[in-house]
Amino acid sequence: MKVVIAGGSGALGRRLSDDLAERGHEVVVLSRTPRPGRHRQVPWDGRTVGPWARELAGSAVVNLAGELVDRRPTAANVDLLSRSRVEPTRALAVAAARLDAPVPVWLQASTIAIYGDADDTVLTEMSPVAEGPPQMAGVARAWESAAEGVNAVRQVLLRTGIVLDVGTPALDRLLGLARWGLGGRVGTGRQWISWIHVHDWLAVCRTALDGTGTQPLDGVVLATSPAPVRNADLMRELRRAVHRPWSPPTPAPLVRLGALALRTDPALALTGRRALPKRLQDNGFTFAHPDLPEALSDLLR
């Protein structure tokens, strides 16, 4: 199939573009700054409909556009994170609405952060979303709302956990903490971490686009491993993966202080969500890397 990807220059976008191209699909990346590369790139501004819109005719659409959330939770940053997601989504939706036929499938990125800090609650696709905090649930709700009612035969709303992949900010920061002797539990260590190996995330995307499984996926889908772990267990496995001994815990006040220095959001480390991919499992999806120790071993091999 032909697949048009918005946000294809990010870490996951590059991964998905390469994966689809290697399997024979035609990949078109919408880019604000097109550069010569492996895939055909078409310029757009991420806000308005332009000549790029003709690429959508008969194509699958993947919308990954959005700035990285790893920044301070200020009002300006919340606005930046929202606009960087809502404006491209609205532009894509308007372009799709002008097509003679609906887009065959629309894969819309989102995040399980939409559930806020869920404590020990087991989350599935049927769980209600949270009102806050603004930089997490607030941004995610605005992102998803912008994609409501798009002109598509199928729309899959992919709420993803932490994607573990080498060379990406999430895993690099976690591994760095473990290597620097800061790999102890964070805060109470009881917060749940829902994660997914990048190869499984790519397989989920292919399943959503191809419509394979017991029935084509549609609506909300959680893209997480079926084995979430608590923060203390995550940090222990990270230490084991990089051959580091026990490390002292990092109390919540110290996390908040460190977040100021790193210009990040302490809620990324102090909140958690226990998500289970019920719809994927009901659809017969098989995870290649369902368990954290093996997943880290595979990535760091």
C-alpha atoms as a PDB file:
ATOM      1  CA  MET A   1       0.000   0.000   0.000  1.00  0.00           C
ATOM      2  CA  LYS A   2       0.949   3.657  -0.139  1.00  0.00           C
ATOM      3  CA  VAL A   3       1.411   5.148   3.327  1.00  0.00           C
ATOM      4  CA  VAL A   4       1.639   8.878   4.052  1.00  0.00           C
ATOM      5  CA  ILE A   5       3.387   9.585   7.356  1.00  0.00           C
ATOM      6  CA  ALA A   6       3.224  12.881   9.240  1.00  0.00           C
ATOM      7  CA  GLY A   7       5.941  13.043  11.866  1.00  0.00           C
ATOM      8  CA  GLY A   8       8.101  10.664   9.891  1.00  0.00           C
ATOM      9  CA  SER A   9      11.330  12.436  10.834  1.00  0.00           C
ATOM     10  CA  GLY A  10      11.070  11.520  14.525  1.00  0.00           C
ATOM     11  CA  ALA A  11      12.640   8.414  16.047  1.00  0.00           C
ATOM     12  CA  LEU A  12       9.517   6.276  15.733  1.00  0.00           C
ATOM     13  CA  GLY A  13       8.594   7.802  12.391  1.00  0.00           C
ATOM     14  CA  ARG A  14      11.968   6.866  10.920  1.00  0.00           C
ATOM     15  CA  ARG A  15      11.662   3.361  12.322  1.00  0.00           C
ATOM     16  CA  LEU A  16       8.178   2.898  10.886  1.00  0.00           C
ATOM     17  CA  SER A  17       9.092   4.408   7.506  1.00  0.00           C
ATOM     18  CA  ASP A  18      12.019   2.016   7.113  1.00  0.00           C
ATOM     19  CA  ASP A  19      10.006  -0.977   8.330  1.00  0.00           C
ATOM     20  CA  LEU A  20       7.163  -0.370   5.878  1.00  0.00           C
ATOM     21  CA  ALA A  21       9.497   0.331   2.954  1.00  0.00           C
ATOM     22  CA  GLU A  22      11.442  -2.872   3.625  1.00  0.00           C
ATOM     23  CA  ARG A  23       8.154  -4.758   3.300  1.00  0.00           C
ATOM     24  CA  GLY A  24       7.403  -3.281  -0.104  1.00  0.00           C
ATOM     25  CA  HIS A  25       5.070  -0.420   0.797  1.00  0.00           C
ATOM     26  CA  GLU A  26       5.415   3.012  -0.789  1.00  0.00           C
ATOM     27  CA  VAL A  27       6.259   5.543   1.933  1.00  0.00           C
ATOM     28  CA  VAL A  28       5.713   9.283   1.649  1.00  0.00           C
ATOM     29  CA  VAL A  29       6.906  11.475   4.516  1.00  0.00           C
ATOM     30  CA  LEU A  30       5.346  14.891   5.065  1.00  0.00           C
ATOM     31  CA  SER A  31       8.175  17.152   6.213  1.00  0.00           C
ATOM     32  CA  ARG A  32       8.599  20.814   7.110  1.00  0.00           C
ATOM     33  CA  THR A  33      12.228  20.605   5.934  1.00  0.00           C
ATOM     34  CA  PRO A  34      12.517  17.923   3.222  1.00  0.00           C
ATOM     35  CA  ARG A  35      16.001  16.483   2.793  1.00  0.00           C
ATOM     36  CA  PRO A  36      17.359  13.833   0.441  1.00  0.00           C
ATOM     37  CA  GLY A  37      16.868  10.470   2.054  1.00  0.00           C
ATOM     38  CA  ARG A  38      15.632   6.939   1.758  1.00  0.00           C
ATOM     39  CA  HIS A  39      11.952   7.874   1.392  1.00  0.00           C
ATOM     40  CA  ARG A  40      10.142  10.396  -0.766  1.00  0.00           C
ATOM     41  CA  GLN A  41       9.510  13.573   1.206  1.00  0.00           C
ATOM     42  CA  VAL A  42       6.805  16.111   0.465  1.00  0.00           C
ATOM     43  CA  PRO A  43       6.885  19.602   2.000  1.00  0.00           C
ATOM     44  CA  TRP A  44       4.133  20.876   4.262  1.00  0.00           C
ATOM     45  CA  ASP A  45       3.914  23.440   7.048  1.00  0.00           C
ATOM     46  CA  GLY A  46       1.976  21.229   9.456  1.00  0.00           C
ATOM     47  CA  ARG A  47      -0.846  23.773   9.696  1.00  0.00           C
ATOM     48  CA  THR A  48      -2.484  24.446   6.360  1.00  0.00           C
ATOM     49  CA  VAL A  49      -3.699  22.384   3.406  1.00  0.00           C
ATOM     50  CA  GLY A  50      -1.421  22.614   0.386  1.00  0.00           C
ATOM     51  CA  PRO A  51      -0.263  20.599  -2.642  1.00  0.00           C
ATOM     52  CA  TRP A  52       0.766  17.802  -0.256  1.00  0.00           C
ATOM     53  CA  ALA A  53      -2.919  16.961   0.227  1.00  0.00           C
ATOM     54  CA  ARG A  54      -3.099  15.131  -3.112  1.00  0.00           C
ATOM     55  CA  GLU A  55      -0.807  12.452  -1.638  1.00  0.00           C
ATOM     56  CA  LEU A  56      -3.650  11.327   0.641  1.00  0.00           C
ATOM     57  CA  ALA A  57      -5.877  10.032  -2.164  1.00  0.00           C
ATOM     58  CA  GLY A  58      -6.080   6.251  -1.831  1.00  0.00           C
ATOM     59  CA  SER A  59      -3.319   6.230   0.805  1.00  0.00           C
ATOM     60  CA  ALA A  60      -3.144   5.015   4.375  1.00  0.00           C
ATOM     61  CA  VAL A  61      -2.382   7.872   6.769  1.00  0.00           C
ATOM     62  CA  VAL A  62      -0.129   7.643   9.839  1.00  0.00           C
ATOM     63  CA  ASN A  63      -0.130  10.697  12.090  1.00  0.00           C
ATOM     64  CA  LEU A  64       2.810  10.794  14.505  1.00  0.00           C
ATOM     65  CA  ALA A  65       3.340  14.567  14.431  1.00  0.00           C
ATOM     66  CA  GLY A  66       4.189  16.219  17.743  1.00  0.00           C
ATOM     67  CA  GLU A  67       7.017  17.679  19.811  1.00  0.00           C
ATOM     68  CA  LEU A  68       8.781  15.537  22.438  1.00  0.00           C
ATOM     69  CA  VAL A  69       7.074  15.693  25.846  1.00  0.00           C
ATOM     70  CA  ASP A  70      10.391  15.648  27.736  1.00  0.00           C
ATOM     71  CA  ARG A  71      10.302  19.296  28.867  1.00  0.00           C
ATOM     72  CA  ARG A  72       9.274  21.414  31.842  1.00  0.00           C
ATOM     73  CA  PRO A  73       5.498  21.455  32.573  1.00  0.00           C
ATOM     74  CA  THR A  74       5.047  25.189  32.014  1.00  0.00           C
ATOM     75  CA  ALA A  75       2.005  26.815  30.423  1.00  0.00           C
ATOM     76  CA  ALA A  76       4.110  27.719  27.380  1.00  0.00           C
ATOM     77  CA  ASN A  77       5.296  24.126  26.963  1.00  0.00           C
ATOM     78  CA  VAL A  78       1.794  22.714  27.380  1.00  0.00           C
ATOM     79  CA  ASP A  79       0.661  25.087  24.640  1.00  0.00           C
ATOM     80  CA  LEU A  80       3.609  24.076  22.415  1.00  0.00           C
ATOM     81  CA  LEU A  81       2.951  20.365  22.901  1.00  0.00           C
ATOM     82  CA  SER A  82      -0.751  20.796  22.145  1.00  0.00           C
ATOM     83  CA  ARG A  83      -0.283  22.971  19.061  1.00  0.00           C
ATOM     84  CA  SER A  84       2.424  20.693  17.651  1.00  0.00           C
ATOM     85  CA  ARG A  85      -0.147  17.859  17.688  1.00  0.00           C
ATOM     86  CA  VAL A  86      -3.470  19.568  17.089  1.00  0.00           C
ATOM     87  CA  GLU A  87      -2.475  21.773  14.141  1.00  0.00           C
ATOM     88  CA  PRO A  88      -1.025  18.961  11.965  1.00  0.00           C
ATOM     89  CA  THR A  89      -3.949  16.678  12.851  1.00  0.00           C
ATOM     90  CA  ARG A  90      -6.496  19.305  11.852  1.00  0.00           C
ATOM     91  CA  ALA A  91      -4.666  19.990   8.593  1.00  0.00           C
ATOM     92  CA  LEU A  92      -4.676  16.281   7.759  1.00  0.00           C
ATOM     93  CA  ALA A  93      -8.364  16.000   8.681  1.00  0.00           C
ATOM     94  CA  VAL A  94      -9.340  18.934   6.467  1.00  0.00           C
ATOM     95  CA  ALA A  95      -7.340  17.513   3.558  1.00  0.00           C
ATOM     96  CA  ALA A  96      -8.963  14.093   3.987  1.00  0.00           C
ATOM     97  CA  ALA A  97     -12.444  15.651   4.117  1.00  0.00           C
ATOM     98  CA  ARG A  98     -11.899  17.076   0.607  1.00  0.00           C
ATOM     99  CA  LEU A  99     -11.066  13.692  -0.946  1.00  0.00           C
ATOM    100  CA  ASP A 100     -13.510  11.977  -3.289  1.00  0.00           C
ATOM    101  CA  ALA A 101     -13.238   8.765  -1.249  1.00  0.00           C
ATOM    102  CA  PRO A 102     -12.359   8.158   2.418  1.00  0.00           C
ATOM    103  CA  VAL A 103      -8.835   7.309   3.467  1.00  0.00           C
ATOM    104  CA  PRO A 104      -8.753   3.476   3.714  1.00  0.00           C
ATOM    105  CA  VAL A 105      -7.106   3.492   7.152  1.00  0.00           C
ATOM    106  CA  TRP A 106      -5.934   6.250   9.484  1.00  0.00           C
ATOM    107  CA  LEU A 107      -3.421   5.374  12.216  1.00  0.00           C
ATOM    108  CA  GLN A 108      -3.557   8.132  14.822  1.00  0.00           C
ATOM    109  CA  ALA A 109      -0.861   8.265  17.469  1.00  0.00           C
ATOM    110  CA  SER A 110      -1.731   8.984  21.083  1.00  0.00           C
ATOM    111  CA  THR A 111      -0.415   8.052  24.513  1.00  0.00           C
ATOM    112  CA  ILE A 112      -1.491   6.186  27.619  1.00  0.00           C
ATOM    113  CA  ALA A 113      -0.593   9.392  29.497  1.00  0.00           C
ATOM    114  CA  ILE A 114      -4.210  10.298  28.686  1.00  0.00           C
ATOM    115  CA  TYR A 115      -5.119   8.242  31.779  1.00  0.00           C
ATOM    116  CA  GLY A 116      -3.100  10.552  34.051  1.00  0.00           C
ATOM    117  CA  ASP A 117      -1.631   9.053  37.218  1.00  0.00           C
ATOM    118  CA  ALA A 118      -3.725   5.883  37.505  1.00  0.00           C
ATOM    119  CA  ASP A 119      -2.082   4.293  40.559  1.00  0.00           C
ATOM    120  CA  ASP A 120      -2.900   0.533  40.663  1.00  0.00           C
ATOM    121  CA  THR A 121      -5.949   0.718  38.371  1.00  0.00           C
ATOM    122  CA  VAL A 122      -5.780  -1.790  35.517  1.00  0.00           C
ATOM    123  CA  LEU A 123      -6.320   0.179  32.309  1.00  0.00           C
ATOM    124  CA  THR A 124      -7.843  -1.137  29.082  1.00  0.00           C
ATOM    125  CA  GLU A 125      -9.338   0.494  26.024  1.00  0.00           C
ATOM    126  CA  MET A 126     -12.608   0.905  27.939  1.00  0.00           C
ATOM    127  CA  SER A 127     -11.095   2.881  30.835  1.00  0.00           C
ATOM    128  CA  PRO A 128     -12.121   6.536  31.218  1.00  0.00           C
ATOM    129  CA  VAL A 129      -9.509   9.180  30.432  1.00  0.00           C
ATOM    130  CA  ALA A 130      -8.244  11.621  33.063  1.00  0.00           C
ATOM    131  CA  GLU A 131      -8.659  15.387  33.317  1.00  0.00           C
ATOM    132  CA  GLY A 132      -5.017  16.072  34.118  1.00  0.00           C
ATOM    133  CA  PRO A 133      -2.210  16.785  34.522  1.00  0.00           C
ATOM    134  CA  PRO A 134      -2.262  19.290  31.616  1.00  0.00           C
ATOM    135  CA  GLN A 135       1.078  18.260  30.075  1.00  0.00           C
ATOM    136  CA  MET A 136      -0.009  14.620  29.987  1.00  0.00           C
ATOM    137  CA  ALA A 137      -3.743  13.926  29.858  1.00  0.00           C
ATOM    138  CA  GLY A 138      -4.591  17.456  28.741  1.00  0.00           C
ATOM    139  CA  VAL A 139      -2.320  17.369  25.701  1.00  0.00           C
ATOM    140  CA  ALA A 140      -3.413  13.828  24.796  1.00  0.00           C
ATOM    141  CA  ARG A 141      -7.128  14.670  24.970  1.00  0.00           C
ATOM    142  CA  ALA A 142      -6.653  17.674  22.680  1.00  0.00           C
ATOM    143  CA  TRP A 143      -4.659  15.502  20.247  1.00  0.00           C
ATOM    144  CA  GLU A 144      -7.314  12.821  20.064  1.00  0.00           C
ATOM    145  CA  SER A 145     -10.159  15.339  19.806  1.00  0.00           C
ATOM    146  CA  ALA A 146      -8.542  16.884  16.729  1.00  0.00           C
ATOM    147  CA  ALA A 147      -8.759  13.489  14.986  1.00  0.00           C
ATOM    148  CA  GLU A 148     -12.412  12.802  15.766  1.00  0.00           C
ATOM    149  CA  GLY A 149     -14.619  12.108  12.760  1.00  0.00           C
ATOM    150  CA  VAL A 150     -11.856  12.025  10.136  1.00  0.00           C
ATOM    151  CA  ASN A 151     -12.845  10.880   6.654  1.00  0.00           C
ATOM    152  CA  ALA A 152     -11.529   7.313   6.884  1.00  0.00           C
ATOM    153  CA  VAL A 153     -12.948   3.824   6.459  1.00  0.00           C
ATOM    154  CA  ARG A 154     -11.085   2.780   9.605  1.00  0.00           C
ATOM    155  CA  GLN A 155      -9.356   4.851  12.239  1.00  0.00           C
ATOM    156  CA  VAL A 156      -7.088   3.252  14.834  1.00  0.00           C
ATOM    157  CA  LEU A 157      -6.306   5.449  17.830  1.00  0.00           C
ATOM    158  CA  LEU A 158      -3.033   4.023  19.122  1.00  0.00           C
ATOM    159  CA  ARG A 159      -2.420   4.867  22.779  1.00  0.00           C
ATOM    160  CA  THR A 160       1.220   3.876  23.234  1.00  0.00           C
ATOM    161  CA  GLY A 161       3.281   3.301  26.362  1.00  0.00           C
ATOM    162  CA  ILE A 162       7.043   3.882  26.611  1.00  0.00           C
ATOM    163  CA  VAL A 163       8.624   2.490  23.434  1.00  0.00           C
ATOM    164  CA  LEU A 164      11.961   0.896  24.269  1.00  0.00           C
ATOM    165  CA  ASP A 165      14.500   1.323  21.492  1.00  0.00           C
ATOM    166  CA  VAL A 166      18.229   1.997  21.417  1.00  0.00           C
ATOM    167  CA  GLY A 167      19.235   5.543  20.600  1.00  0.00           C
ATOM    168  CA  THR A 168      15.956   7.106  21.724  1.00  0.00           C
ATOM    169  CA  PRO A 169      15.571   9.677  24.535  1.00  0.00           C
ATOM    170  CA  ALA A 170      13.455   7.460  26.801  1.00  0.00           C
ATOM    171  CA  LEU A 171      15.745   4.424  26.946  1.00  0.00           C
ATOM    172  CA  ASP A 172      18.952   6.443  26.720  1.00  0.00           C
ATOM    173  CA  ARG A 173      18.005   8.486  29.792  1.00  0.00           C
ATOM    174  CA  LEU A 174      17.009   5.398  31.779  1.00  0.00           C
ATOM    175  CA  LEU A 175      20.194   3.555  30.871  1.00  0.00           C
ATOM    176  CA  GLY A 176      22.240   6.642  31.649  1.00  0.00           C
ATOM    177  CA  LEU A 177      20.797   6.838  35.157  1.00  0.00           C
ATOM    178  CA  ALA A 178      21.638   3.177  35.739  1.00  0.00           C
ATOM    179  CA  ARG A 179      25.202   3.588  34.431  1.00  0.00           C
ATOM    180  CA  TRP A 180      25.793   6.698  36.569  1.00  0.00           C
ATOM    181  CA  GLY A 181      24.851   4.868  39.750  1.00  0.00           C
ATOM    182  CA  LEU A 182      21.396   6.471  39.904  1.00  0.00           C
ATOM    183  CA  GLY A 183      19.528   3.313  38.990  1.00  0.00           C
ATOM    184  CA  GLY A 184      17.615   2.904  42.238  1.00  0.00           C
ATOM    185  CA  ARG A 185      13.850   3.082  42.481  1.00  0.00           C
ATOM    186  CA  VAL A 186      12.352   6.506  41.805  1.00  0.00           C
ATOM    187  CA  GLY A 187      10.074   7.922  44.470  1.00  0.00           C
ATOM    188  CA  THR A 188       8.119   5.078  46.033  1.00  0.00           C
ATOM    189  CA  GLY A 189       9.061   2.774  43.157  1.00  0.00           C
ATOM    190  CA  ARG A 190       5.480   1.492  43.106  1.00  0.00           C
ATOM    191  CA  GLN A 191       4.332   3.466  40.064  1.00  0.00           C
ATOM    192  CA  TRP A 192       3.467   1.218  37.124  1.00  0.00           C
ATOM    193  CA  ILE A 193       5.443   1.466  33.889  1.00  0.00           C
ATOM    194  CA  SER A 194       3.700   0.302  30.719  1.00  0.00           C
ATOM    195  CA  TRP A 195       6.250  -0.260  27.980  1.00  0.00           C
ATOM    196  CA  ILE A 196       6.643  -1.943  24.589  1.00  0.00           C
ATOM    197  CA  HIS A 197       9.654  -3.198  22.600  1.00  0.00           C
ATOM    198  CA  VAL A 198      10.063  -1.230  19.378  1.00  0.00           C
ATOM    199  CA  HIS A 199       9.759  -4.390  17.238  1.00  0.00           C
ATOM    200  CA  ASP A 200       6.388  -5.128  18.824  1.00  0.00           C
ATOM    201  CA  TRP A 201       5.307  -1.520  18.326  1.00  0.00           C
ATOM    202  CA  LEU A 202       6.162  -1.781  14.637  1.00  0.00           C
ATOM    203  CA  ALA A 203       4.208  -5.038  14.412  1.00  0.00           C
ATOM    204  CA  VAL A 204       1.207  -3.359  16.058  1.00  0.00           C
ATOM    205  CA  CYS A 205       1.361  -0.570  13.470  1.00  0.00           C
ATOM    206  CA  ARG A 206       1.493  -3.103  10.630  1.00  0.00           C
ATOM    207  CA  THR A 207      -1.456  -4.994  12.095  1.00  0.00           C
ATOM    208  CA  ALA A 208      -3.448  -1.772  12.359  1.00  0.00           C
ATOM    209  CA  LEU A 209      -2.637  -0.750   8.785  1.00  0.00           C
ATOM    210  CA  ASP A 210      -3.109  -4.190   7.207  1.00  0.00           C
ATOM    211  CA  GLY A 211      -6.315  -4.989   9.054  1.00  0.00           C
ATOM    212  CA  THR A 212      -4.985  -8.461   9.907  1.00  0.00           C
ATOM    213  CA  GLY A 213      -6.018 -10.540  12.890  1.00  0.00           C
ATOM    214  CA  THR A 214      -9.384 -11.955  13.853  1.00  0.00           C
ATOM    215  CA  GLN A 215     -10.917  -8.691  12.622  1.00  0.00           C
ATOM    216  CA  PRO A 216      -9.577  -5.324  11.426  1.00  0.00           C
ATOM    217  CA  LEU A 217      -8.683  -3.053  14.321  1.00  0.00           C
ATOM    218  CA  ASP A 218     -10.745   0.095  14.738  1.00  0.00           C
ATOM    219  CA  GLY A 219     -11.040   2.667  17.512  1.00  0.00           C
ATOM    220  CA  VAL A 220      -8.863   2.844  20.623  1.00  0.00           C
ATOM    221  CA  VAL A 221      -6.019   0.314  20.874  1.00  0.00           C
ATOM    222  CA  LEU A 222      -3.448   0.157  23.673  1.00  0.00           C
ATOM    223  CA  ALA A 223       0.071  -0.464  22.357  1.00  0.00           C
ATOM    224  CA  THR A 224       1.837  -1.813  25.428  1.00  0.00           C
ATOM    225  CA  SER A 225       3.405  -5.056  26.527  1.00  0.00           C
ATOM    226  CA  PRO A 226       1.025  -7.399  28.385  1.00  0.00           C
ATOM    227  CA  ALA A 227       3.512  -7.341  31.301  1.00  0.00           C
ATOM    228  CA  PRO A 228       3.794  -3.835  32.797  1.00  0.00           C
ATOM    229  CA  VAL A 229       6.230  -3.507  35.690  1.00  0.00           C
ATOM    230  CA  ARG A 230       6.605  -1.275  38.705  1.00  0.00           C
ATOM    231  CA  ASN A 231       9.293   1.381  38.628  1.00  0.00           C
ATOM    232  CA  ALA A 232      11.439  -0.491  41.174  1.00  0.00           C
ATOM    233  CA  ASP A 233      11.429  -3.574  38.952  1.00  0.00           C
ATOM    234  CA  LEU A 234      12.217  -1.512  35.860  1.00  0.00           C
ATOM    235  CA  MET A 235      15.228   0.087  37.516  1.00  0.00           C
ATOM    236  CA  ARG A 236      16.466  -3.292  38.800  1.00  0.00           C
ATOM    237  CA  GLU A 237      16.329  -4.773  35.301  1.00  0.00           C
ATOM    238  CA  LEU A 238      18.092  -1.735  33.855  1.00  0.00           C
ATOM    239  CA  ARG A 239      20.901  -2.124  36.401  1.00  0.00           C
ATOM    240  CA  ARG A 240      21.151  -5.791  35.555  1.00  0.00           C
ATOM    241  CA  ALA A 241      21.236  -5.013  31.822  1.00  0.00           C
ATOM    242  CA  VAL A 242      24.210  -2.648  32.189  1.00  0.00           C
ATOM    243  CA  HIS A 243      25.912  -4.722  34.926  1.00  0.00           C
ATOM    244  CA  ARG A 244      25.588  -2.235  37.765  1.00  0.00           C
ATOM    245  CA  PRO A 245      25.134  -3.075  41.457  1.00  0.00           C
ATOM    246  CA  TRP A 246      22.342  -1.999  43.759  1.00  0.00           C
ATOM    247  CA  SER A 247      21.767   1.737  43.788  1.00  0.00           C
ATOM    248  CA  PRO A 248      20.097   3.859  46.466  1.00  0.00           C
ATOM    249  CA  PRO A 249      16.569   5.125  45.800  1.00  0.00           C
ATOM    250  CA  THR A 250      15.924   8.626  44.531  1.00  0.00           C
ATOM    251  CA  PRO A 251      13.345  10.340  46.798  1.00  0.00           C
ATOM    252  CA  ALA A 252      10.566  12.317  45.114  1.00  0.00           C
ATOM    253  CA  PRO A 253      11.887  15.747  46.283  1.00  0.00           C
ATOM    254  CA  LEU A 254      15.254  14.962  44.718  1.00  0.00           C
ATOM    255  CA  VAL A 255      13.504  13.884  41.488  1.00  0.00           C
ATOM    256  CA  ARG A 256      11.723  17.237  41.352  1.00  0.00           C
ATOM    257  CA  LEU A 257      14.988  19.082  41.967  1.00  0.00           C
ATOM    258  CA  GLY A 258      16.780  17.062  39.321  1.00  0.00           C
ATOM    259  CA  ALA A 259      13.975  17.718  36.862  1.00  0.00           C
ATOM    260  CA  LEU A 260      14.676  21.437  37.163  1.00  0.00           C
ATOM    261  CA  ALA A 261      18.310  20.881  36.211  1.00  0.00           C
ATOM    262  CA  LEU A 262      17.411  18.530  33.348  1.00  0.00           C
ATOM    263  CA  ARG A 263      14.558  20.812  32.184  1.00  0.00           C
ATOM    264  CA  THR A 264      12.111  17.920  32.205  1.00  0.00           C
ATOM    265  CA  ASP A 265       8.802  17.019  33.846  1.00  0.00           C
ATOM    266  CA  PRO A 266       9.132  15.125  37.152  1.00  0.00           C
ATOM    267  CA  ALA A 267       5.687  13.595  36.540  1.00  0.00           C
ATOM    268  CA  LEU A 268       7.262  11.456  33.808  1.00  0.00           C
ATOM    269  CA  ALA A 269       9.111   9.576  36.550  1.00  0.00           C
ATOM    270  CA  LEU A 270       6.717   9.905  39.490  1.00  0.00           C
ATOM    271  CA  THR A 271       3.414   8.916  37.863  1.00  0.00           C
ATOM    272  CA  GLY A 272       2.410   5.568  36.410  1.00  0.00           C
ATOM    273  CA  ARG A 273      -0.158   3.614  34.438  1.00  0.00           C
ATOM    274  CA  ARG A 274      -0.871  -0.118  34.477  1.00  0.00           C
ATOM    275  CA  ALA A 275      -2.138  -0.685  30.932  1.00  0.00           C
ATOM    276  CA  LEU A 276      -3.043  -4.014  29.355  1.00  0.00           C
ATOM    277  CA  PRO A 277      -3.433  -4.443  25.549  1.00  0.00           C
ATOM    278  CA  LYS A 278      -6.793  -6.229  25.704  1.00  0.00           C
ATOM    279  CA  ARG A 279      -7.895  -5.480  22.140  1.00  0.00           C
ATOM    280  CA  LEU A 280      -4.615  -6.653  20.653  1.00  0.00           C
ATOM    281  CA  GLN A 281      -4.764  -9.874  22.623  1.00  0.00           C
ATOM    282  CA  ASP A 282      -8.417 -10.433  21.712  1.00  0.00           C
ATOM    283  CA  ASN A 283      -7.407  -9.897  18.082  1.00  0.00           C
ATOM    284  CA  GLY A 284      -4.818 -12.692  18.247  1.00  0.00           C
ATOM    285  CA  PHE A 285      -1.744 -10.450  18.278  1.00  0.00           C
ATOM    286  CA  THR A 286       1.423 -12.218  19.437  1.00  0.00           C
ATOM    287  CA  PHE A 287       4.127 -10.197  21.208  1.00  0.00           C
ATOM    288  CA  ALA A 288       7.686 -11.129  20.278  1.00  0.00           C
ATOM    289  CA  HIS A 289       9.074  -9.472  23.426  1.00  0.00           C
ATOM    290  CA  PRO A 290       6.402  -9.534  26.150  1.00  0.00           C
ATOM    291  CA  ASP A 291       8.757  -9.638  29.164  1.00  0.00           C
ATOM    292  CA  LEU A 292      11.048  -6.799  30.219  1.00  0.00           C
ATOM    293  CA  PRO A 293      14.280  -8.738  31.015  1.00  0.00           C
ATOM    294  CA  GLU A 294      14.288 -10.436  27.607  1.00  0.00           C
ATOM    295  CA  ALA A 295      13.295  -7.228  25.831  1.00  0.00           C
ATOM    296  CA  LEU A 296      16.211  -5.292  27.358  1.00  0.00           C
ATOM    297  CA  SER A 297      18.574  -8.168  26.608  1.00  0.00           C
ATOM    298  CA  ASP A 298      17.466  -8.141  22.967  1.00  0.00           C
ATOM    299  CA  LEU A 299      17.874  -4.381  22.614  1.00  0.00           C
ATOM    300  CA  LEU A 300      21.290  -4.247  24.274  1.00  0.00           C
ATOM    301  CA  ARG A 301      22.689  -7.426  22.775  1.00  0.00           C
END
